[in-house]
Amino acid sequence: MGDLIRITESAAKRVEKLLADRGTPDAYVRLGTKTAGCSGLSYRLEYADKQEEGDELVEAHGVRVLIDPKALLYLIGTEMDYEETDIKQGFVFNNPNQKGSCGCGESFTV
């Protein structure tokens, strides 16, 4: 079985920088979901100093991302990317499980 999610090189570089700026280059980020927005769910990224019971570990391009077990079914097959344009920057999630999203793109349904 392949990775649960795919982390692009751009996303990995951004995670690496965030952890270095925080002073914890050996830590993780945890990807999960939370109830929010008009479509029901939104993505949540947070710092994690250790792997918790049930977390799934994905390693790519030198970084480690934990997947919150409560969000795992919603995230399988997702590509985590990072984009910078003239007007916005941030992580972008290309999720094959997503059935719809709100107009502003902040929340989604599965």
Protein backbone atom coordinates (compact mmCIF):
# COMPACT_ATOMS: atom_id res chain seq x y z
CA MET A 1 0.00 0.00 0.00
CA GLY A 2 1.31 3.47 -0.89
CA ASP A 3 1.32 6.51 1.31
CA LEU A 4 -2.00 7.55 2.78
CA ILE A 5 -1.43 11.06 1.47
CA ARG A 6 1.06 12.52 -1.00
CA ILE A 7 3.20 15.45 0.08
CA THR A 8 4.63 17.55 -2.72
CA GLU A 9 8.17 18.87 -2.56
CA SER A 10 6.79 22.42 -2.25
CA ALA A 11 4.67 21.45 0.78
CA ALA A 12 7.60 19.62 2.36
CA LYS A 13 9.87 22.66 1.99
CA ARG A 14 7.24 24.84 3.67
CA VAL A 15 6.76 22.36 6.53
CA GLU A 16 10.52 22.17 6.96
CA LYS A 17 10.76 25.98 7.16
CA LEU A 18 7.88 26.28 9.63
CA LEU A 19 9.44 23.69 11.93
CA ALA A 20 12.89 25.29 11.66
CA ASP A 21 11.46 28.75 12.40
CA ARG A 22 9.69 27.26 15.42
CA GLY A 23 13.02 25.82 16.60
CA THR A 24 11.81 22.22 16.41
CA PRO A 25 13.18 20.81 13.13
CA ASP A 26 12.74 17.22 14.37
CA ALA A 27 9.05 17.67 15.21
CA TYR A 28 6.00 16.95 13.07
CA VAL A 29 2.94 18.66 11.73
CA ARG A 30 -0.39 16.90 12.22
CA LEU A 31 -3.02 17.03 9.49
CA GLY A 32 -6.62 16.62 10.48
CA THR A 33 -10.07 17.97 9.86
CA LYS A 34 -12.47 19.98 11.97
CA THR A 35 -16.13 20.85 11.72
CA ALA A 36 -16.29 24.32 10.21
CA GLY A 37 -17.61 26.46 7.40
CA CYS A 38 -20.76 26.16 5.39
CA SER A 39 -19.85 22.78 3.84
CA GLY A 40 -19.06 20.93 7.06
CA LEU A 41 -15.32 20.19 7.27
CA SER A 42 -12.09 22.13 6.94
CA TYR A 43 -8.46 21.06 7.03
CA ARG A 44 -6.46 21.60 10.20
CA LEU A 45 -2.66 21.70 10.46
CA GLU A 46 -0.94 21.96 13.82
CA TYR A 47 2.49 21.43 15.30
CA ALA A 48 3.09 18.12 17.06
CA ASP A 49 6.16 17.42 19.16
CA LYS A 50 5.47 13.70 19.32
CA GLN A 51 3.45 11.01 17.60
CA GLU A 52 0.26 10.17 19.49
CA GLU A 53 -1.38 6.76 19.64
CA GLY A 54 -3.36 6.18 16.45
CA ASP A 55 -1.52 8.82 14.38
CA GLU A 56 -0.47 7.60 10.95
CA LEU A 57 2.99 8.75 9.87
CA VAL A 58 3.77 9.87 6.32
CA GLU A 59 7.35 10.82 5.43
CA ALA A 60 8.31 12.59 2.23
CA HIS A 61 11.11 14.86 1.07
CA GLY A 62 12.68 14.85 4.55
CA VAL A 63 9.60 15.86 6.57
CA ARG A 64 7.18 13.90 8.71
CA VAL A 65 3.44 14.53 8.69
CA LEU A 66 1.08 12.86 11.11
CA ILE A 67 -2.48 12.06 10.08
CA ASP A 68 -5.05 12.44 12.84
CA PRO A 69 -6.84 9.07 13.12
CA LYS A 70 -10.26 10.78 13.33
CA ALA A 71 -9.65 12.34 9.90
CA LEU A 72 -7.99 9.41 8.17
CA LEU A 73 -11.01 8.23 6.16
CA TYR A 74 -11.57 11.77 4.83
CA LEU A 75 -7.93 12.20 3.80
CA ILE A 76 -6.86 8.94 2.13
CA GLY A 77 -5.42 9.74 -1.29
CA THR A 78 -5.13 13.49 -0.66
CA GLU A 79 -2.25 15.48 -2.12
CA MET A 80 -0.86 18.14 0.23
CA ASP A 81 0.70 20.99 -1.73
CA TYR A 82 1.88 24.52 -1.00
CA GLU A 83 1.27 27.37 -3.42
CA GLU A 84 2.40 30.99 -3.52
CA THR A 85 0.89 33.52 -5.90
CA ASP A 86 0.88 37.31 -6.02
CA ILE A 87 -2.30 37.45 -3.95
CA LYS A 88 -2.23 34.41 -1.67
CA GLN A 89 -0.08 31.69 -0.22
CA GLY A 90 -0.88 28.55 1.68
CA PHE A 91 -1.33 24.84 1.78
CA VAL A 92 -3.66 23.36 -0.82
CA PHE A 93 -5.30 19.96 -0.46
CA ASN A 94 -6.34 18.02 -3.56
CA ASN A 95 -8.69 15.48 -2.05
CA PRO A 96 -10.29 12.78 -4.23
CA ASN A 97 -12.85 12.10 -1.47
CA GLN A 98 -14.23 15.63 -1.62
CA LYS A 99 -17.77 15.78 -3.01
CA GLY A 100 -18.26 19.53 -2.77
CA SER A 101 -16.96 22.73 -1.24
CA CYS A 102 -18.21 26.13 -0.21
CA GLY A 103 -17.83 29.14 -2.47
CA CYS A 104 -14.86 30.56 -0.59
CA GLY A 105 -13.04 27.22 -0.61
CA GLU A 106 -12.56 27.10 3.16
CA SER A 107 -14.66 23.99 3.80
CA PHE A 108 -15.65 20.80 2.04
CA THR A 109 -17.97 17.79 2.16
CA VAL A 110 -17.20 14.12 1.62
